[in-house]
C-alpha atoms as a PDB file:
ATOM      1  CA  UNK A   1       3.038  11.657 -13.577  1.00  0.00           C
ATOM      2  CA  UNK A   2       3.993  11.920  -9.720  1.00  0.00           C
ATOM      3  CA  UNK A   3       7.311  10.776  -8.566  1.00  0.00           C
ATOM      4  CA  UNK A   4       7.019   7.427  -6.636  1.00  0.00           C
ATOM      5  CA  UNK A   5       7.515   9.214  -3.088  1.00  0.00           C
ATOM      6  CA  UNK A   6       4.854  11.943  -3.887  1.00  0.00           C
ATOM      7  CA  UNK A   7       2.287   9.306  -5.200  1.00  0.00           C
ATOM      8  CA  UNK A   8       3.004   7.118  -2.065  1.00  0.00           C
ATOM      9  CA  UNK A   9       2.365  10.054   0.291  1.00  0.00           C
ATOM     10  CA  UNK A  10      -0.742  11.114  -1.731  1.00  0.00           C
ATOM     11  CA  UNK A  11      -2.363   7.626  -1.493  1.00  0.00           C
ATOM     12  CA  UNK A  12      -1.348   7.404   2.360  1.00  0.00           C
ATOM     13  CA  UNK A  13      -3.198  10.771   2.987  1.00  0.00           C
ATOM     14  CA  UNK A  14      -6.245   9.318   0.947  1.00  0.00           C
ATOM     15  CA  UNK A  15      -6.096   6.095   3.232  1.00  0.00           C
ATOM     16  CA  UNK A  16      -5.867   8.384   6.348  1.00  0.00           C
ATOM     17  CA  UNK A  17      -8.969  10.329   5.224  1.00  0.00           C
ATOM     18  CA  UNK A  18     -10.864   7.149   4.803  1.00  0.00           C
ATOM     19  CA  UNK A  19      -9.575   5.960   8.173  1.00  0.00           C
ATOM     20  CA  UNK A  20     -10.661   9.096   9.785  1.00  0.00           C
ATOM     21  CA  UNK A  21     -14.084   8.810   8.343  1.00  0.00           C
ATOM     22  CA  UNK A  22     -14.422   5.333   9.732  1.00  0.00           C
ATOM     23  CA  UNK A  23     -13.511   6.436  13.227  1.00  0.00           C
ATOM     24  CA  UNK A  24     -16.073   9.480  12.982  1.00  0.00           C
ATOM     25  CA  UNK A  25     -18.698   6.880  11.768  1.00  0.00           C
ATOM     26  CA  UNK A  26     -18.065   4.455  14.593  1.00  0.00           C
ATOM     27  CA  UNK A  27     -18.097   7.384  17.224  1.00  0.00           C
ATOM     28  CA  UNK A  28     -21.500   8.518  15.739  1.00  0.00           C
ATOM     29  CA  UNK A  29     -22.967   4.976  15.667  1.00  0.00           C
ATOM     30  CA  UNK A  30     -23.573   5.079  11.919  1.00  0.00           C
ATOM     31  CA  UNK A  31     -25.036   2.006  10.259  1.00  0.00           C
ATOM     32  CA  UNK A  32     -22.698  -0.955  10.399  1.00  0.00           C
ATOM     33  CA  UNK A  33     -22.803  -1.602   6.587  1.00  0.00           C
ATOM     34  CA  UNK A  34     -21.867   1.821   5.873  1.00  0.00           C
ATOM     35  CA  UNK A  35     -18.907   1.657   8.299  1.00  0.00           C
ATOM     36  CA  UNK A  36     -17.735  -1.536   6.610  1.00  0.00           C
ATOM     37  CA  UNK A  37     -17.833  -0.029   3.186  1.00  0.00           C
ATOM     38  CA  UNK A  38     -15.707   3.063   4.544  1.00  0.00           C
ATOM     39  CA  UNK A  39     -13.322   0.412   6.084  1.00  0.00           C
ATOM     40  CA  UNK A  40     -12.953  -1.482   2.717  1.00  0.00           C
ATOM     41  CA  UNK A  41     -11.997   1.933   1.102  1.00  0.00           C
ATOM     42  CA  UNK A  42      -9.323   2.211   3.719  1.00  0.00           C
ATOM     43  CA  UNK A  43      -8.053  -1.378   2.868  1.00  0.00           C
ATOM     44  CA  UNK A  44      -8.228  -0.768  -0.951  1.00  0.00           C
ATOM     45  CA  UNK A  45      -6.250   2.486  -0.383  1.00  0.00           C
ATOM     46  CA  UNK A  46      -3.461   0.798   1.517  1.00  0.00           C
ATOM     47  CA  UNK A  47      -3.213  -2.153  -0.946  1.00  0.00           C
ATOM     48  CA  UNK A  48      -2.664   0.554  -3.798  1.00  0.00           C
ATOM     49  CA  UNK A  49      -0.067   2.124  -1.605  1.00  0.00           C
ATOM     50  CA  UNK A  50       1.582  -1.452  -1.314  1.00  0.00           C
ATOM     51  CA  UNK A  51       1.522  -1.895  -5.143  1.00  0.00           C
ATOM     52  CA  UNK A  52       3.000   1.371  -5.749  1.00  0.00           C
ATOM     53  CA  UNK A  53       5.963   0.605  -3.269  1.00  0.00           C
ATOM     54  CA  UNK A  54       6.475  -2.620  -4.507  1.00  0.00           C
ATOM     55  CA  UNK A  55       6.466  -1.581  -8.395  1.00  0.00           C
ATOM     56  CA  UNK A  56       9.136   1.018  -7.472  1.00  0.00           C
ATOM     57  CA  UNK A  57      11.130  -1.459  -5.338  1.00  0.00           C
ATOM     58  CA  UNK A  58      11.299  -3.829  -8.417  1.00  0.00           C
ATOM     59  CA  UNK A  59      12.075  -0.965 -10.815  1.00  0.00           C
ATOM     60  CA  UNK A  60      15.137   0.477  -8.599  1.00  0.00           C
ATOM     61  CA  UNK A  61      16.356  -1.819  -5.854  1.00  0.00           C
ATOM     62  CA  UNK A  62      15.749  -5.185  -7.420  1.00  0.00           C
ATOM     63  CA  UNK A  63      16.943  -3.941 -10.665  1.00  0.00           C
ATOM     64  CA  UNK A  64      20.164  -2.746  -9.141  1.00  0.00           C
ATOM     65  CA  UNK A  65      20.632  -6.118  -7.184  1.00  0.00           C
ATOM     66  CA  UNK A  66      20.358  -8.031 -10.257  1.00  0.00           C
ATOM     67  CA  UNK A  67      22.934  -5.944 -11.932  1.00  0.00           C
ATOM     68  CA  UNK A  68      25.290  -6.532  -8.904  1.00  0.00           C
ATOM     69  CA  UNK A  69      24.655 -10.474  -9.418  1.00  0.00           C
ATOM     70  CA  UNK A  70      22.336 -10.764  -6.255  1.00  0.00           C
ATOM     71  CA  UNK A  71      19.342 -11.991  -8.145  1.00  0.00           C
ATOM     72  CA  UNK A  72      18.695 -14.774  -5.660  1.00  0.00           C
ATOM     73  CA  UNK A  73      18.819 -12.577  -2.663  1.00  0.00           C
ATOM     74  CA  UNK A  74      16.212 -10.027  -4.556  1.00  0.00           C
ATOM     75  CA  UNK A  75      14.052 -12.845  -5.688  1.00  0.00           C
ATOM     76  CA  UNK A  76      13.929 -14.372  -2.253  1.00  0.00           C
ATOM     77  CA  UNK A  77      12.940 -11.052  -0.668  1.00  0.00           C
ATOM     78  CA  UNK A  78      10.164 -10.530  -3.123  1.00  0.00           C
ATOM     79  CA  UNK A  79       8.804 -14.108  -2.583  1.00  0.00           C
ATOM     80  CA  UNK A  80       8.653 -13.471   1.186  1.00  0.00           C
ATOM     81  CA  UNK A  81       6.638 -10.283   0.725  1.00  0.00           C
ATOM     82  CA  UNK A  82       4.122 -12.066  -1.717  1.00  0.00           C
ATOM     83  CA  UNK A  83       3.768 -15.026   0.782  1.00  0.00           C
ATOM     84  CA  UNK A  84       2.698 -12.695   3.490  1.00  0.00           C
ATOM     85  CA  UNK A  85      -0.391 -11.475   1.457  1.00  0.00           C
END
């Protein structure tokens, strides 16, 4: 299993590859539906990055905050992120 940072970097590189493909497809006037499919792959890759980052944050930063008695602050921070989605 990869360390969280390595996993995040790997997933961001995947997203960048998909985005590069979208740009190339648009430049070449490729079929719109194909471009949308590739764009959706970018979005899915970024969503997975967010999930990995949030999971790591919960396991580390939030757990530490709760041990220090700062559960309310940590909970508020997480709720703010979730409300943006």
